[in-house]
Amino acid sequence: MKKTLIALMISSLVGFIVYGQEGAKDEAKQAGSDIKKAGKATGKATKHAGKAVAKGTKKGVNKAASGTEKGAEKVKEKTQ
């Protein structure tokens, strides 16, 4: 009876240890998945910010070019 009880206790202890190791594996996989998602979100945000900067730069360049043209026209009118 004692031997059976001891064998049962040891087998249940081993079962808990194996289950704990699998749980740690799953947590590591989840952490890796979360990091991957964060990386993708960061990449998308960077891409979005880059497009906004490009749009603002283009707008500024066009305004500057327009101002230069107006200035050139005024100078041309004064010289004629």
PDB file of N, CA and C in Angstrom:
ATOM      1  N   MET A   1       0.822  -1.195   0.000  1.00  0.00           N
ATOM      2  CA  MET A   1       0.000   0.000   0.000  1.00  0.00           C
ATOM      3  C   MET A   1       0.867   1.260   0.000  1.00  0.00           C
ATOM      4  N   LYS A   2       1.893   1.255   0.849  1.00  0.00           N
ATOM      5  CA  LYS A   2       2.762   2.423   0.916  1.00  0.00           C
ATOM      6  C   LYS A   2       3.491   2.636  -0.410  1.00  0.00           C
ATOM      7  N   LYS A   3       3.954   1.538  -1.005  1.00  0.00           N
ATOM      8  CA  LYS A   3       4.694   1.655  -2.257  1.00  0.00           C
ATOM      9  C   LYS A   3       3.797   2.205  -3.370  1.00  0.00           C
ATOM     10  N   THR A   4       2.572   1.781  -3.396  1.00  0.00           N
ATOM     11  CA  THR A   4       1.629   2.261  -4.398  1.00  0.00           C
ATOM     12  C   THR A   4       1.350   3.746  -4.204  1.00  0.00           C
ATOM     13  N   LEU A   5       1.203   4.143  -2.970  1.00  0.00           N
ATOM     14  CA  LEU A   5       0.942   5.549  -2.660  1.00  0.00           C
ATOM     15  C   LEU A   5       2.142   6.424  -3.025  1.00  0.00           C
ATOM     16  N   ILE A   6       3.342   5.940  -2.726  1.00  0.00           N
ATOM     17  CA  ILE A   6       4.556   6.693  -3.061  1.00  0.00           C
ATOM     18  C   ILE A   6       4.708   6.788  -4.579  1.00  0.00           C
ATOM     19  N   ALA A   7       4.454   5.704  -5.295  1.00  0.00           N
ATOM     20  CA  ALA A   7       4.548   5.710  -6.756  1.00  0.00           C
ATOM     21  C   ALA A   7       3.539   6.679  -7.356  1.00  0.00           C
ATOM     22  N   LEU A   8       2.356   6.715  -6.808  1.00  0.00           N
ATOM     23  CA  LEU A   8       1.323   7.634  -7.281  1.00  0.00           C
ATOM     24  C   LEU A   8       1.720   9.085  -7.040  1.00  0.00           C
ATOM     25  N   MET A   9       2.288   9.370  -5.890  1.00  0.00           N
ATOM     26  CA  MET A   9       2.725  10.739  -5.568  1.00  0.00           C
ATOM     27  C   MET A   9       3.864  11.178  -6.486  1.00  0.00           C
ATOM     28  N   ILE A  10       4.808  10.268  -6.751  1.00  0.00           N
ATOM     29  CA  ILE A  10       5.936  10.603  -7.629  1.00  0.00           C
ATOM     30  C   ILE A  10       5.448  10.847  -9.048  1.00  0.00           C
ATOM     31  N   SER A  11       4.545  10.012  -9.529  1.00  0.00           N
ATOM     32  CA  SER A  11       4.051  10.192 -10.898  1.00  0.00           C
ATOM     33  C   SER A  11       3.259  11.494 -11.035  1.00  0.00           C
ATOM     34  N   SER A  12       2.508  11.852 -10.012  1.00  0.00           N
ATOM     35  CA  SER A  12       1.766  13.116 -10.087  1.00  0.00           C
ATOM     36  C   SER A  12       2.715  14.300 -10.036  1.00  0.00           C
ATOM     37  N   LEU A  13       3.783  14.187  -9.271  1.00  0.00           N
ATOM     38  CA  LEU A  13       4.779  15.258  -9.196  1.00  0.00           C
ATOM     39  C   LEU A  13       5.461  15.441 -10.554  1.00  0.00           C
ATOM     40  N   VAL A  14       5.810  14.335 -11.196  1.00  0.00           N
ATOM     41  CA  VAL A  14       6.427  14.391 -12.526  1.00  0.00           C
ATOM     42  C   VAL A  14       5.449  15.015 -13.522  1.00  0.00           C
ATOM     43  N   GLY A  15       4.190  14.674 -13.407  1.00  0.00           N
ATOM     44  CA  GLY A  15       3.184  15.251 -14.302  1.00  0.00           C
ATOM     45  C   GLY A  15       3.087  16.758 -14.148  1.00  0.00           C
ATOM     46  N   PHE A  16       3.145  17.248 -12.928  1.00  0.00           N
ATOM     47  CA  PHE A  16       3.104  18.698 -12.698  1.00  0.00           C
ATOM     48  C   PHE A  16       4.340  19.381 -13.262  1.00  0.00           C
ATOM     49  N   ILE A  17       5.500  18.741 -13.134  1.00  0.00           N
ATOM     50  CA  ILE A  17       6.743  19.333 -13.649  1.00  0.00           C
ATOM     51  C   ILE A  17       6.680  19.444 -15.173  1.00  0.00           C
ATOM     52  N   VAL A  18       6.221  18.388 -15.835  1.00  0.00           N
ATOM     53  CA  VAL A  18       6.117  18.406 -17.301  1.00  0.00           C
ATOM     54  C   VAL A  18       5.116  19.467 -17.743  1.00  0.00           C
ATOM     55  N   TYR A  19       3.996  19.569 -17.058  1.00  0.00           N
ATOM     56  CA  TYR A  19       2.995  20.576 -17.394  1.00  0.00           C
ATOM     57  C   TYR A  19       3.568  21.977 -17.223  1.00  0.00           C
ATOM     58  N   GLY A  20       4.345  22.189 -16.179  1.00  0.00           N
ATOM     59  CA  GLY A  20       4.957  23.498 -15.946  1.00  0.00           C
ATOM     60  C   GLY A  20       5.930  23.873 -17.040  1.00  0.00           C
ATOM     61  N   GLN A  21       6.668  22.897 -17.547  1.00  0.00           N
ATOM     62  CA  GLN A  21       7.612  23.173 -18.619  1.00  0.00           C
ATOM     63  C   GLN A  21       6.879  23.539 -19.901  1.00  0.00           C
ATOM     64  N   GLU A  22       5.786  22.880 -20.191  1.00  0.00           N
ATOM     65  CA  GLU A  22       5.008  23.203 -21.380  1.00  0.00           C
ATOM     66  C   GLU A  22       4.390  24.589 -21.271  1.00  0.00           C
ATOM     67  N   GLY A  23       3.976  24.956 -20.056  1.00  0.00           N
ATOM     68  CA  GLY A  23       3.413  26.288 -19.847  1.00  0.00           C
ATOM     69  C   GLY A  23       4.438  27.365 -20.122  1.00  0.00           C
ATOM     70  N   ALA A  24       5.681  27.138 -19.698  1.00  0.00           N
ATOM     71  CA  ALA A  24       6.747  28.105 -19.948  1.00  0.00           C
ATOM     72  C   ALA A  24       7.023  28.223 -21.436  1.00  0.00           C
ATOM     73  N   LYS A  25       6.943  27.106 -22.150  1.00  0.00           N
ATOM     74  CA  LYS A  25       7.144  27.114 -23.597  1.00  0.00           C
ATOM     75  C   LYS A  25       6.085  27.975 -24.280  1.00  0.00           C
ATOM     76  N   ASP A  26       4.847  27.793 -23.866  1.00  0.00           N
ATOM     77  CA  ASP A  26       3.746  28.562 -24.445  1.00  0.00           C
ATOM     78  C   ASP A  26       3.909  30.048 -24.160  1.00  0.00           C
ATOM     79  N   GLU A  27       4.363  30.376 -22.958  1.00  0.00           N
ATOM     80  CA  GLU A  27       4.570  31.791 -22.617  1.00  0.00           C
ATOM     81  C   GLU A  27       5.674  32.398 -23.470  1.00  0.00           C
ATOM     82  N   ALA A  28       6.728  31.637 -23.722  1.00  0.00           N
ATOM     83  CA  ALA A  28       7.823  32.129 -24.564  1.00  0.00           C
ATOM     84  C   ALA A  28       7.329  32.365 -25.992  1.00  0.00           C
ATOM     85  N   LYS A  29       6.499  31.449 -26.494  1.00  0.00           N
ATOM     86  CA  LYS A  29       5.943  31.627 -27.837  1.00  0.00           C
ATOM     87  C   LYS A  29       5.059  32.870 -27.892  1.00  0.00           C
ATOM     88  N   GLN A  30       4.267  33.066 -26.854  1.00  0.00           N
ATOM     89  CA  GLN A  30       3.375  34.237 -26.807  1.00  0.00           C
ATOM     90  C   GLN A  30       4.189  35.524 -26.770  1.00  0.00           C
ATOM     91  N   ALA A  31       5.278  35.512 -26.001  1.00  0.00           N
ATOM     92  CA  ALA A  31       6.126  36.700 -25.929  1.00  0.00           C
ATOM     93  C   ALA A  31       6.738  37.005 -27.286  1.00  0.00           C
ATOM     94  N   GLY A  32       7.190  35.972 -27.986  1.00  0.00           N
ATOM     95  CA  GLY A  32       7.743  36.175 -29.325  1.00  0.00           C
ATOM     96  C   GLY A  32       6.704  36.722 -30.282  1.00  0.00           C
ATOM     97  N   SER A  33       5.495  36.238 -30.179  1.00  0.00           N
ATOM     98  CA  SER A  33       4.411  36.721 -31.031  1.00  0.00           C
ATOM     99  C   SER A  33       4.088  38.187 -30.744  1.00  0.00           C
ATOM    100  N   ASP A  34       4.091  38.541 -29.452  1.00  0.00           N
ATOM    101  CA  ASP A  34       3.824  39.930 -29.081  1.00  0.00           C
ATOM    102  C   ASP A  34       4.906  40.866 -29.603  1.00  0.00           C
ATOM    103  N   ILE A  35       6.146  40.421 -29.539  1.00  0.00           N
ATOM    104  CA  ILE A  35       7.255  41.240 -30.047  1.00  0.00           C
ATOM    105  C   ILE A  35       7.116  41.432 -31.554  1.00  0.00           C
ATOM    106  N   LYS A  36       6.728  40.377 -32.244  1.00  0.00           N
ATOM    107  CA  LYS A  36       6.551  40.466 -33.696  1.00  0.00           C
ATOM    108  C   LYS A  36       5.451  41.467 -34.049  1.00  0.00           C
ATOM    109  N   LYS A  37       4.339  41.408 -33.308  1.00  0.00           N
ATOM    110  CA  LYS A  37       3.239  42.349 -33.550  1.00  0.00           C
ATOM    111  C   LYS A  37       3.677  43.780 -33.283  1.00  0.00           C
ATOM    112  N   ALA A  38       4.442  43.987 -32.212  1.00  0.00           N
ATOM    113  CA  ALA A  38       4.927  45.334 -31.888  1.00  0.00           C
ATOM    114  C   ALA A  38       5.849  45.848 -32.983  1.00  0.00           C
ATOM    115  N   GLY A  39       6.683  44.975 -33.512  1.00  0.00           N
ATOM    116  CA  GLY A  39       7.582  45.371 -34.604  1.00  0.00           C
ATOM    117  C   GLY A  39       6.819  45.780 -35.848  1.00  0.00           C
ATOM    118  N   LYS A  40       5.788  45.027 -36.174  1.00  0.00           N
ATOM    119  CA  LYS A  40       4.974  45.375 -37.345  1.00  0.00           C
ATOM    120  C   LYS A  40       4.261  46.707 -37.150  1.00  0.00           C
ATOM    121  N   ALA A  41       3.737  46.935 -35.940  1.00  0.00           N
ATOM    122  CA  ALA A  41       3.041  48.194 -35.663  1.00  0.00           C
ATOM    123  C   ALA A  41       4.007  49.371 -35.760  1.00  0.00           C
ATOM    124  N   THR A  42       5.218  49.181 -35.257  1.00  0.00           N
ATOM    125  CA  THR A  42       6.226  50.243 -35.332  1.00  0.00           C
ATOM    126  C   THR A  42       6.582  50.539 -36.779  1.00  0.00           C
ATOM    127  N   GLY A  43       6.718  49.497 -37.576  1.00  0.00           N
ATOM    128  CA  GLY A  43       7.029  49.685 -38.998  1.00  0.00           C
ATOM    129  C   GLY A  43       5.938  50.445 -39.723  1.00  0.00           C
ATOM    130  N   LYS A  44       4.693  50.101 -39.439  1.00  0.00           N
ATOM    131  CA  LYS A  44       3.573  50.802 -40.076  1.00  0.00           C
ATOM    132  C   LYS A  44       3.528  52.263 -39.657  1.00  0.00           C
ATOM    133  N   ALA A  45       3.776  52.527 -38.381  1.00  0.00           N
ATOM    134  CA  ALA A  45       3.758  53.909 -37.888  1.00  0.00           C
ATOM    135  C   ALA A  45       4.878  54.724 -38.529  1.00  0.00           C
ATOM    136  N   THR A  46       6.041  54.115 -38.677  1.00  0.00           N
ATOM    137  CA  THR A  46       7.171  54.797 -39.306  1.00  0.00           C
ATOM    138  C   THR A  46       6.870  55.108 -40.762  1.00  0.00           C
ATOM    139  N   LYS A  47       6.277  54.164 -41.442  1.00  0.00           N
ATOM    140  CA  LYS A  47       5.915  54.370 -42.848  1.00  0.00           C
ATOM    141  C   LYS A  47       4.914  55.521 -42.972  1.00  0.00           C
ATOM    142  N   HIS A  48       3.925  55.536 -42.085  1.00  0.00           N
ATOM    143  CA  HIS A  48       2.906  56.586 -42.097  1.00  0.00           C
ATOM    144  C   HIS A  48       3.546  57.954 -41.832  1.00  0.00           C
ATOM    145  N   ALA A  49       4.441  58.011 -40.863  1.00  0.00           N
ATOM    146  CA  ALA A  49       5.111  59.273 -40.540  1.00  0.00           C
ATOM    147  C   ALA A  49       5.976  59.739 -41.710  1.00  0.00           C
ATOM    148  N   GLY A  50       6.654  58.802 -42.357  1.00  0.00           N
ATOM    149  CA  GLY A  50       7.490  59.147 -43.513  1.00  0.00           C
ATOM    150  C   GLY A  50       6.668  59.736 -44.649  1.00  0.00           C
ATOM    151  N   LYS A  51       5.488  59.170 -44.878  1.00  0.00           N
ATOM    152  CA  LYS A  51       4.615  59.708 -45.931  1.00  0.00           C
ATOM    153  C   LYS A  51       4.152  61.118 -45.584  1.00  0.00           C
ATOM    154  N   ALA A  52       3.855  61.355 -44.304  1.00  0.00           N
ATOM    155  CA  ALA A  52       3.413  62.685 -43.890  1.00  0.00           C
ATOM    156  C   ALA A  52       4.534  63.715 -44.064  1.00  0.00           C
ATOM    157  N   VAL A  53       5.750  63.316 -43.734  1.00  0.00           N
ATOM    158  CA  VAL A  53       6.893  64.218 -43.904  1.00  0.00           C
ATOM    159  C   VAL A  53       7.097  64.527 -45.382  1.00  0.00           C
ATOM    160  N   ALA A  54       6.998  63.509 -46.223  1.00  0.00           N
ATOM    161  CA  ALA A  54       7.171  63.713 -47.665  1.00  0.00           C
ATOM    162  C   ALA A  54       6.115  64.669 -48.208  1.00  0.00           C
ATOM    163  N   LYS A  55       4.877  64.496 -47.751  1.00  0.00           N
ATOM    164  CA  LYS A  55       3.791  65.365 -48.209  1.00  0.00           C
ATOM    165  C   LYS A  55       4.039  66.811 -47.767  1.00  0.00           C
ATOM    166  N   GLY A  56       4.449  66.990 -46.516  1.00  0.00           N
ATOM    167  CA  GLY A  56       4.732  68.341 -46.011  1.00  0.00           C
ATOM    168  C   GLY A  56       5.895  68.994 -46.733  1.00  0.00           C
ATOM    169  N   THR A  57       6.923  68.215 -47.019  1.00  0.00           N
ATOM    170  CA  THR A  57       8.085  68.738 -47.738  1.00  0.00           C
ATOM    171  C   THR A  57       7.695  69.175 -49.143  1.00  0.00           C
ATOM    172  N   LYS A  58       6.913  68.346 -49.810  1.00  0.00           N
ATOM    173  CA  LYS A  58       6.477  68.670 -51.169  1.00  0.00           C
ATOM    174  C   LYS A  58       5.657  69.961 -51.168  1.00  0.00           C
ATOM    175  N   LYS A  59       4.777  70.070 -50.188  1.00  0.00           N
ATOM    176  CA  LYS A  59       3.941  71.263 -50.088  1.00  0.00           C
ATOM    177  C   LYS A  59       4.801  72.514 -49.856  1.00  0.00           C
ATOM    178  N   GLY A  60       5.792  72.396 -48.980  1.00  0.00           N
ATOM    179  CA  GLY A  60       6.683  73.527 -48.706  1.00  0.00           C
ATOM    180  C   GLY A  60       7.506  73.920 -49.912  1.00  0.00           C
ATOM    181  N   VAL A  61       8.007  72.943 -50.634  1.00  0.00           N
ATOM    182  CA  VAL A  61       8.801  73.219 -51.838  1.00  0.00           C
ATOM    183  C   VAL A  61       7.943  73.911 -52.881  1.00  0.00           C
ATOM    184  N   ASN A  62       6.716  73.442 -53.057  1.00  0.00           N
ATOM    185  CA  ASN A  62       5.823  74.063 -54.039  1.00  0.00           C
ATOM    186  C   ASN A  62       5.492  75.502 -53.661  1.00  0.00           C
ATOM    187  N   LYS A  63       5.270  75.770 -52.358  1.00  0.00           N
ATOM    188  CA  LYS A  63       5.001  77.145 -51.934  1.00  0.00           C
ATOM    189  C   LYS A  63       6.207  78.037 -52.176  1.00  0.00           C
ATOM    190  N   ALA A  64       7.393  77.518 -51.881  1.00  0.00           N
ATOM    191  CA  ALA A  64       8.610  78.304 -52.098  1.00  0.00           C
ATOM    192  C   ALA A  64       8.804  78.597 -53.584  1.00  0.00           C
ATOM    193  N   ALA A  65       8.542  77.617 -54.425  1.00  0.00           N
ATOM    194  CA  ALA A  65       8.682  77.816 -55.870  1.00  0.00           C
ATOM    195  C   ALA A  65       7.681  78.855 -56.366  1.00  0.00           C
ATOM    196  N   SER A  66       6.473  78.803 -55.823  1.00  0.00           N
ATOM    197  CA  SER A  66       5.453  79.774 -56.209  1.00  0.00           C
ATOM    198  C   SER A  66       5.888  81.187 -55.807  1.00  0.00           C
ATOM    199  N   GLY A  67       6.437  81.311 -54.602  1.00  0.00           N
ATOM    200  CA  GLY A  67       6.912  82.626 -54.142  1.00  0.00           C
ATOM    201  C   GLY A  67       8.065  83.133 -54.987  1.00  0.00           C
ATOM    202  N   THR A  68       8.922  82.240 -55.410  1.00  0.00           N
ATOM    203  CA  THR A  68      10.056  82.621 -56.261  1.00  0.00           C
ATOM    204  C   THR A  68       9.556  83.122 -57.607  1.00  0.00           C
ATOM    205  N   GLU A  69       8.564  82.447 -58.152  1.00  0.00           N
ATOM    206  CA  GLU A  69       8.000  82.887 -59.435  1.00  0.00           C
ATOM    207  C   GLU A  69       7.381  84.274 -59.321  1.00  0.00           C
ATOM    208  N   LYS A  70       6.652  84.523 -58.235  1.00  0.00           N
ATOM    209  CA  LYS A  70       6.041  85.843 -58.040  1.00  0.00           C
ATOM    210  C   LYS A  70       7.102  86.921 -57.924  1.00  0.00           C
ATOM    211  N   GLY A  71       8.172  86.602 -57.181  1.00  0.00           N
ATOM    212  CA  GLY A  71       9.265  87.565 -57.034  1.00  0.00           C
ATOM    213  C   GLY A  71       9.947  87.845 -58.350  1.00  0.00           C
ATOM    214  N   ALA A  72      10.124  86.805 -59.155  1.00  0.00           N
ATOM    215  CA  ALA A  72      10.766  86.970 -60.464  1.00  0.00           C
ATOM    216  C   ALA A  72       9.893  87.819 -61.376  1.00  0.00           C
ATOM    217  N   GLU A  73       8.582  87.632 -61.306  1.00  0.00           N
ATOM    218  CA  GLU A  73       7.675  88.447 -62.123  1.00  0.00           C
ATOM    219  C   GLU A  73       7.748  89.914 -61.711  1.00  0.00           C
ATOM    220  N   LYS A  74       7.811  90.178 -60.429  1.00  0.00           N
ATOM    221  CA  LYS A  74       7.898  91.580 -59.950  1.00  0.00           C
ATOM    222  C   LYS A  74       9.184  92.222 -60.418  1.00  0.00           C
ATOM    223  N   VAL A  75      10.273  91.470 -60.340  1.00  0.00           N
ATOM    224  CA  VAL A  75      11.558  92.014 -60.782  1.00  0.00           C
ATOM    225  C   VAL A  75      11.507  92.275 -62.283  1.00  0.00           C
ATOM    226  N   LYS A  76      10.890  91.379 -63.027  1.00  0.00           N
ATOM    227  CA  LYS A  76      10.803  91.522 -64.478  1.00  0.00           C
ATOM    228  C   LYS A  76       9.958  92.766 -64.823  1.00  0.00           C
ATOM    229  N   GLU A  77       8.874  93.007 -64.098  1.00  0.00           N
ATOM    230  CA  GLU A  77       8.026  94.169 -64.342  1.00  0.00           C
ATOM    231  C   GLU A  77       8.769  95.466 -64.055  1.00  0.00           C
ATOM    232  N   LYS A  78       9.563  95.462 -63.001  1.00  0.00           N
ATOM    233  CA  LYS A  78      10.310  96.667 -62.633  1.00  0.00           C
ATOM    234  C   LYS A  78      11.412  96.996 -63.625  1.00  0.00           C
ATOM    235  N   THR A  79      11.979  95.983 -64.234  1.00  0.00           N
ATOM    236  CA  THR A  79      13.079  96.218 -65.157  1.00  0.00           C
ATOM    237  C   THR A  79      12.608  96.606 -66.544  1.00  0.00           C
ATOM    238  N   GLN A  80      11.358  96.420 -66.852  1.00  0.00           N
ATOM    239  CA  GLN A  80      10.870  96.777 -68.191  1.00  0.00           C
ATOM    240  C   GLN A  80      10.443  98.192 -68.285  1.00  0.00           C
TER     241      GLN A  80
END
